[in-house]
Amino acid sequence: MATSIRLSRGGSKKRPYYRIVVADSRAPRDGKFIERIGSYNPVLPKGDEKRVVIDVERAKHWVAAGAQPTDRVARFLDAAGVKERAARNNPKKAEPGQKAKDRAEDRAAKAAEAAEAAEAAKAAAAEAAAAPAAEEAPAAEEAAPEAAAEEQTEG
């Protein structure tokens, strides 16, 4: 018989309370079980010692007998030192989807265009500031020969 160590829900609506049970894997979640080996009360704060209560000796017995714990119960058993749980690593889980990647690329392209436009505006402003100064200097030189010509005609 394939057995599993899993949670069986009790408690009232919106006030969950779970029993940690060893059950036939084909039995329903809250149905018939072989043995109750602990309890889990998610309503209690995380630091509370009564949040998870496990009979470690019985848990070791059932794990040795081949009972497979569910993911949540495996966490509890790992914390109790009964069964080592392998660390899970899924680097693709945090990776955004294709549409999000496309939106990020569009945002980056718009930001690059805005930066280029800002640089072009700065360059244009710098040229505009330098151009009048360059235009004034030749105008002063041109004015000097005109003034000299006027002096010659007057005199």
Protein backbone atom coordinates (compact mmCIF):
# COMPACT_ATOMS: atom_id res chain seq x y z
CA MET A 1 0.00 0.00 0.00
CA ALA A 2 1.35 3.42 -0.97
CA THR A 3 1.26 5.65 2.07
CA SER A 4 1.77 9.37 2.34
CA ILE A 5 2.33 11.79 5.19
CA ARG A 6 0.05 14.73 4.57
CA LEU A 7 -2.19 17.36 6.09
CA SER A 8 -5.83 16.71 6.89
CA ARG A 9 -7.87 19.90 7.31
CA GLY A 10 -10.07 20.61 10.26
CA GLY A 11 -11.29 23.75 11.98
CA SER A 12 -14.04 26.10 10.97
CA LYS A 13 -14.38 28.37 8.00
CA LYS A 14 -11.46 30.82 7.71
CA ARG A 15 -9.90 29.26 10.84
CA PRO A 16 -7.86 26.33 9.51
CA TYR A 17 -6.32 23.64 11.67
CA TYR A 18 -4.48 20.69 10.20
CA ARG A 19 -3.61 17.25 11.48
CA ILE A 20 -0.44 15.66 10.16
CA VAL A 21 -1.51 12.13 9.27
CA VAL A 22 -0.20 9.00 7.62
CA ALA A 23 -2.79 7.85 5.12
CA ASP A 24 -3.25 5.62 2.11
CA SER A 25 -2.43 7.79 -0.89
CA ARG A 26 -5.78 6.87 -2.47
CA ALA A 27 -7.84 8.03 0.53
CA PRO A 28 -9.49 11.49 0.40
CA ARG A 29 -7.77 14.45 2.05
CA ASP A 30 -9.99 14.62 5.13
CA GLY A 31 -11.00 10.97 5.04
CA LYS A 32 -9.71 7.76 6.53
CA PHE A 33 -6.12 7.76 7.80
CA ILE A 34 -3.80 5.20 9.38
CA GLU A 35 -2.21 7.26 12.15
CA ARG A 36 -2.12 10.84 13.37
CA ILE A 37 1.47 11.93 14.02
CA GLY A 38 1.11 15.66 14.65
CA SER A 39 -0.69 18.92 14.08
CA TYR A 40 -0.20 22.27 12.33
CA ASN A 41 -1.99 25.47 13.31
CA PRO A 42 -1.25 28.22 10.73
CA VAL A 43 -3.25 30.75 12.77
CA LEU A 44 -0.52 30.87 15.44
CA PRO A 45 2.52 33.16 14.92
CA LYS A 46 5.57 31.66 13.21
CA GLY A 47 7.74 31.66 16.33
CA ASP A 48 5.19 29.78 18.45
CA GLU A 49 6.28 26.27 19.45
CA LYS A 50 2.71 24.93 19.20
CA ARG A 51 2.37 25.98 15.55
CA VAL A 52 3.84 22.67 14.37
CA VAL A 53 3.80 19.64 16.68
CA ILE A 54 5.21 16.35 15.35
CA ASP A 55 5.83 12.98 17.00
CA VAL A 56 9.39 12.65 15.67
CA GLU A 57 9.77 8.93 16.49
CA ARG A 58 6.62 7.95 14.59
CA ALA A 59 7.54 10.23 11.70
CA LYS A 60 10.95 8.52 11.44
CA HIS A 61 9.23 5.13 11.54
CA TRP A 62 6.85 5.99 8.70
CA VAL A 63 9.57 7.60 6.56
CA ALA A 64 11.67 4.45 7.03
CA ALA A 65 8.62 2.38 6.04
CA GLY A 66 8.42 4.30 2.74
CA ALA A 67 5.71 6.89 3.40
CA GLN A 68 6.12 9.88 1.06
CA PRO A 69 5.59 13.32 2.67
CA THR A 70 3.89 16.12 0.76
CA ASP A 71 5.88 19.31 0.10
CA ARG A 72 4.49 21.15 3.15
CA VAL A 73 4.99 18.19 5.48
CA ALA A 74 8.50 17.68 4.07
CA ARG A 75 9.31 21.22 5.24
CA PHE A 76 8.09 20.36 8.73
CA LEU A 77 10.06 17.11 8.78
CA ASP A 78 13.19 18.91 7.61
CA ALA A 79 12.82 21.50 10.39
CA ALA A 80 12.37 18.67 12.92
CA GLY A 81 15.43 16.84 11.55
CA VAL A 82 13.54 13.75 10.44
CA LYS A 83 14.10 13.87 6.69
CA GLU A 84 16.48 16.06 4.69
CA ARG A 85 14.67 18.09 2.06
CA ALA A 86 16.61 19.02 -1.07
CA ALA A 87 16.67 22.74 -1.80
CA ARG A 88 14.58 23.61 -4.80
CA ASN A 89 16.01 25.81 -7.52
CA ASN A 90 13.95 27.11 -10.39
CA PRO A 91 15.70 30.11 -11.93
CA LYS A 92 13.04 30.46 -14.64
CA LYS A 93 10.30 31.02 -12.07
CA ALA A 94 11.33 34.63 -11.46
CA GLU A 95 11.93 35.33 -15.14
CA PRO A 96 9.24 37.59 -16.62
CA GLY A 97 7.02 36.42 -19.47
CA GLN A 98 7.50 37.30 -23.14
CA LYS A 99 5.05 40.24 -23.12
CA ALA A 100 6.73 41.76 -20.07
CA LYS A 101 10.12 41.41 -21.79
CA ASP A 102 8.72 43.16 -24.89
CA ARG A 103 7.33 46.00 -22.75
CA ALA A 104 10.70 46.39 -21.01
CA GLU A 105 12.48 46.55 -24.38
CA ASP A 106 10.02 49.20 -25.62
CA ARG A 107 10.54 51.23 -22.44
CA ALA A 108 14.32 50.96 -22.83
CA ALA A 109 14.12 52.05 -26.49
CA LYS A 110 11.95 55.07 -25.59
CA ALA A 111 14.34 56.01 -22.80
CA ALA A 112 17.29 55.77 -25.20
CA GLU A 113 15.47 57.95 -27.74
CA ALA A 114 14.65 60.50 -25.04
CA ALA A 115 18.29 60.55 -23.93
CA GLU A 116 19.45 61.05 -27.53
CA ALA A 117 16.93 63.89 -27.98
CA ALA A 118 18.14 65.51 -24.77
CA GLU A 119 21.77 65.25 -25.93
CA ALA A 120 20.81 66.72 -29.32
CA ALA A 121 18.99 69.59 -27.60
CA LYS A 122 22.03 70.28 -25.41
CA ALA A 123 24.29 70.22 -28.46
CA ALA A 124 21.94 72.56 -30.35
CA ALA A 125 21.80 74.91 -27.37
CA ALA A 126 25.60 74.89 -27.13
CA GLU A 127 25.87 75.64 -30.86
CA ALA A 128 23.30 78.41 -30.59
CA ALA A 129 25.20 79.96 -27.69
CA ALA A 130 28.50 79.73 -29.56
CA ALA A 131 27.09 80.93 -32.92
CA PRO A 132 25.96 84.45 -31.79
CA ALA A 133 29.34 85.07 -30.21
CA ALA A 134 31.03 84.04 -33.46
CA GLU A 135 28.62 86.20 -35.47
CA GLU A 136 29.18 89.24 -33.26
CA ALA A 137 32.94 89.19 -33.68
CA PRO A 138 32.88 89.39 -37.50
CA ALA A 139 30.12 91.99 -37.32
CA ALA A 140 32.37 94.17 -35.17
CA GLU A 141 35.19 93.75 -37.68
CA GLU A 142 32.82 94.61 -40.52
CA ALA A 143 31.58 97.64 -38.62
CA ALA A 144 35.13 98.92 -38.18
CA PRO A 145 35.85 99.16 -41.92
CA GLU A 146 32.50 100.86 -42.45
CA ALA A 147 33.33 103.36 -39.71
CA ALA A 148 36.73 103.90 -41.29
CA ALA A 149 35.07 104.44 -44.67
CA GLU A 150 32.65 106.96 -43.17
CA GLU A 151 35.55 108.82 -41.57
CA GLN A 152 37.33 109.02 -44.89
CA THR A 153 34.25 110.35 -46.69
CA GLU A 154 33.56 112.93 -44.00
CA GLY A 155 37.07 114.18 -43.79
